[in-house]
């Protein structure tokens, strides 16, 4: 994601495209545990879970690995479908970088 401010809209967009998830798992990042993201999860009965304690590199690495997986899948989908998007190609590269 380009910035932490887009987390609530990203979760909503994902839910619209793929269906509402049963749960959302993240590290203990505040953008997932408070504000609009948490409100949306509560409204949609999405269970919010986090990786255990702070400053435990081996636990956070699991969440970070999944971030990489999701970015890779997103990148693949955008590259595959970029011509259907209403954005010039240069803007797509800016969005996913």
C-alpha atoms as a PDB file:
ATOM      1  CA  UNK A   1       0.000   0.000   0.000  1.00  0.00           C
ATOM      2  CA  UNK A   2       1.179   3.451  -0.773  1.00  0.00           C
ATOM      3  CA  UNK A   3       0.384   4.778   2.694  1.00  0.00           C
ATOM      4  CA  UNK A   4      -1.164   3.643   5.938  1.00  0.00           C
ATOM      5  CA  UNK A   5      -4.091   6.008   5.352  1.00  0.00           C
ATOM      6  CA  UNK A   6      -5.458   3.755   2.599  1.00  0.00           C
ATOM      7  CA  UNK A   7      -5.854   0.684   4.827  1.00  0.00           C
ATOM      8  CA  UNK A   8      -9.589   1.218   5.524  1.00  0.00           C
ATOM      9  CA  UNK A   9     -10.439   1.683   1.846  1.00  0.00           C
ATOM     10  CA  UNK A  10      -8.191  -1.241   0.855  1.00  0.00           C
ATOM     11  CA  UNK A  11     -10.012  -3.562   3.270  1.00  0.00           C
ATOM     12  CA  UNK A  12     -13.400  -2.369   1.968  1.00  0.00           C
ATOM     13  CA  UNK A  13     -12.345  -2.740  -1.669  1.00  0.00           C
ATOM     14  CA  UNK A  14     -11.019  -6.239  -1.004  1.00  0.00           C
ATOM     15  CA  UNK A  15     -14.308  -7.164   0.657  1.00  0.00           C
ATOM     16  CA  UNK A  16     -16.318  -5.865  -2.301  1.00  0.00           C
ATOM     17  CA  UNK A  17     -14.228  -7.754  -4.827  1.00  0.00           C
ATOM     18  CA  UNK A  18     -13.668 -11.064  -3.016  1.00  0.00           C
ATOM     19  CA  UNK A  19     -16.315 -11.112  -0.297  1.00  0.00           C
ATOM     20  CA  UNK A  20     -16.116 -10.204   3.347  1.00  0.00           C
ATOM     21  CA  UNK A  21     -13.355 -12.187   5.057  1.00  0.00           C
ATOM     22  CA  UNK A  22     -13.902 -14.153   8.245  1.00  0.00           C
ATOM     23  CA  UNK A  23     -10.918 -12.509   9.875  1.00  0.00           C
ATOM     24  CA  UNK A  24      -8.150  -9.982   9.365  1.00  0.00           C
ATOM     25  CA  UNK A  25      -4.734 -10.879  10.731  1.00  0.00           C
ATOM     26  CA  UNK A  26      -1.930  -8.348  10.994  1.00  0.00           C
ATOM     27  CA  UNK A  27       1.015  -7.344  13.081  1.00  0.00           C
ATOM     28  CA  UNK A  28       0.053  -4.916  15.855  1.00  0.00           C
ATOM     29  CA  UNK A  29       0.035  -1.926  13.521  1.00  0.00           C
ATOM     30  CA  UNK A  30      -2.386   0.765  14.716  1.00  0.00           C
ATOM     31  CA  UNK A  31      -3.862   1.266  11.248  1.00  0.00           C
ATOM     32  CA  UNK A  32      -5.390  -2.223  11.567  1.00  0.00           C
ATOM     33  CA  UNK A  33      -6.373  -2.042  15.222  1.00  0.00           C
ATOM     34  CA  UNK A  34      -8.123   1.318  15.465  1.00  0.00           C
ATOM     35  CA  UNK A  35     -10.117   3.916  13.589  1.00  0.00           C
ATOM     36  CA  UNK A  36     -12.025   3.259  10.392  1.00  0.00           C
ATOM     37  CA  UNK A  37     -10.494  -0.182   9.775  1.00  0.00           C
ATOM     38  CA  UNK A  38     -11.525  -1.516  13.171  1.00  0.00           C
ATOM     39  CA  UNK A  39     -14.959   0.113  12.871  1.00  0.00           C
ATOM     40  CA  UNK A  40     -15.500  -1.573   9.492  1.00  0.00           C
ATOM     41  CA  UNK A  41     -14.375  -4.932  10.847  1.00  0.00           C
ATOM     42  CA  UNK A  42     -16.732  -4.651  13.812  1.00  0.00           C
ATOM     43  CA  UNK A  43     -19.644  -3.630  11.552  1.00  0.00           C
ATOM     44  CA  UNK A  44     -18.989  -6.583   9.239  1.00  0.00           C
ATOM     45  CA  UNK A  45     -18.294  -9.102  12.037  1.00  0.00           C
ATOM     46  CA  UNK A  46     -14.718  -9.591  10.836  1.00  0.00           C
ATOM     47  CA  UNK A  47     -12.540 -11.105  13.557  1.00  0.00           C
ATOM     48  CA  UNK A  48      -9.358  -9.075  14.031  1.00  0.00           C
ATOM     49  CA  UNK A  49      -6.265 -10.962  15.199  1.00  0.00           C
ATOM     50  CA  UNK A  50      -2.640  -9.964  15.569  1.00  0.00           C
ATOM     51  CA  UNK A  51       0.726 -11.605  15.660  1.00  0.00           C
ATOM     52  CA  UNK A  52       1.929 -11.932  19.274  1.00  0.00           C
ATOM     53  CA  UNK A  53       4.027  -9.440  21.222  1.00  0.00           C
ATOM     54  CA  UNK A  54       5.842  -6.420  19.955  1.00  0.00           C
ATOM     55  CA  UNK A  55       9.515  -6.424  19.006  1.00  0.00           C
ATOM     56  CA  UNK A  56       9.594 -10.152  18.302  1.00  0.00           C
ATOM     57  CA  UNK A  57      11.219 -10.348  14.905  1.00  0.00           C
ATOM     58  CA  UNK A  58      10.377 -14.007  14.290  1.00  0.00           C
ATOM     59  CA  UNK A  59       6.662 -13.330  14.758  1.00  0.00           C
ATOM     60  CA  UNK A  60       6.509 -10.101  12.776  1.00  0.00           C
ATOM     61  CA  UNK A  61       8.337 -11.783   9.903  1.00  0.00           C
ATOM     62  CA  UNK A  62       5.271 -13.967   9.309  1.00  0.00           C
ATOM     63  CA  UNK A  63       3.085 -10.900   8.878  1.00  0.00           C
ATOM     64  CA  UNK A  64       5.693  -9.198   6.705  1.00  0.00           C
ATOM     65  CA  UNK A  65       5.985 -12.307   4.525  1.00  0.00           C
ATOM     66  CA  UNK A  66       2.232 -12.206   3.941  1.00  0.00           C
ATOM     67  CA  UNK A  67       2.471  -8.527   3.052  1.00  0.00           C
ATOM     68  CA  UNK A  68       4.966  -9.542   0.378  1.00  0.00           C
ATOM     69  CA  UNK A  69       2.672 -12.305  -0.868  1.00  0.00           C
ATOM     70  CA  UNK A  70      -0.297  -9.939  -1.089  1.00  0.00           C
ATOM     71  CA  UNK A  71       1.788  -7.297  -2.859  1.00  0.00           C
ATOM     72  CA  UNK A  72       2.989  -9.914  -5.318  1.00  0.00           C
ATOM     73  CA  UNK A  73      -0.536 -11.109  -6.061  1.00  0.00           C
ATOM     74  CA  UNK A  74      -1.757  -7.534  -6.423  1.00  0.00           C
ATOM     75  CA  UNK A  75       1.115  -6.694  -8.742  1.00  0.00           C
ATOM     76  CA  UNK A  76       0.359  -9.767 -10.849  1.00  0.00           C
ATOM     77  CA  UNK A  77      -3.353  -8.889 -11.134  1.00  0.00           C
ATOM     78  CA  UNK A  78      -2.635  -5.283 -12.046  1.00  0.00           C
ATOM     79  CA  UNK A  79      -0.112  -6.299 -14.694  1.00  0.00           C
ATOM     80  CA  UNK A  80      -2.542  -8.862 -16.095  1.00  0.00           C
ATOM     81  CA  UNK A  81      -5.508  -6.472 -16.163  1.00  0.00           C
ATOM     82  CA  UNK A  82      -3.869  -3.059 -16.529  1.00  0.00           C
ATOM     83  CA  UNK A  83      -5.517  -2.365 -19.890  1.00  0.00           C
ATOM     84  CA  UNK A  84      -8.963  -2.697 -18.261  1.00  0.00           C
ATOM     85  CA  UNK A  85      -8.095  -0.103 -15.634  1.00  0.00           C
ATOM     86  CA  UNK A  86      -8.875   3.498 -16.425  1.00  0.00           C
ATOM     87  CA  UNK A  87      -5.327   4.661 -15.648  1.00  0.00           C
ATOM     88  CA  UNK A  88      -2.339   5.398 -17.845  1.00  0.00           C
ATOM     89  CA  UNK A  89       0.342   2.743 -17.444  1.00  0.00           C
ATOM     90  CA  UNK A  90       2.750   5.186 -15.738  1.00  0.00           C
ATOM     91  CA  UNK A  91       0.144   5.810 -13.011  1.00  0.00           C
ATOM     92  CA  UNK A  92      -0.291   2.086 -12.369  1.00  0.00           C
ATOM     93  CA  UNK A  93       3.444   1.688 -11.778  1.00  0.00           C
ATOM     94  CA  UNK A  94       3.370   4.648  -9.390  1.00  0.00           C
ATOM     95  CA  UNK A  95       0.449   3.123  -7.443  1.00  0.00           C
ATOM     96  CA  UNK A  96       2.048  -0.280  -6.929  1.00  0.00           C
ATOM     97  CA  UNK A  97       5.578   0.862  -6.175  1.00  0.00           C
END
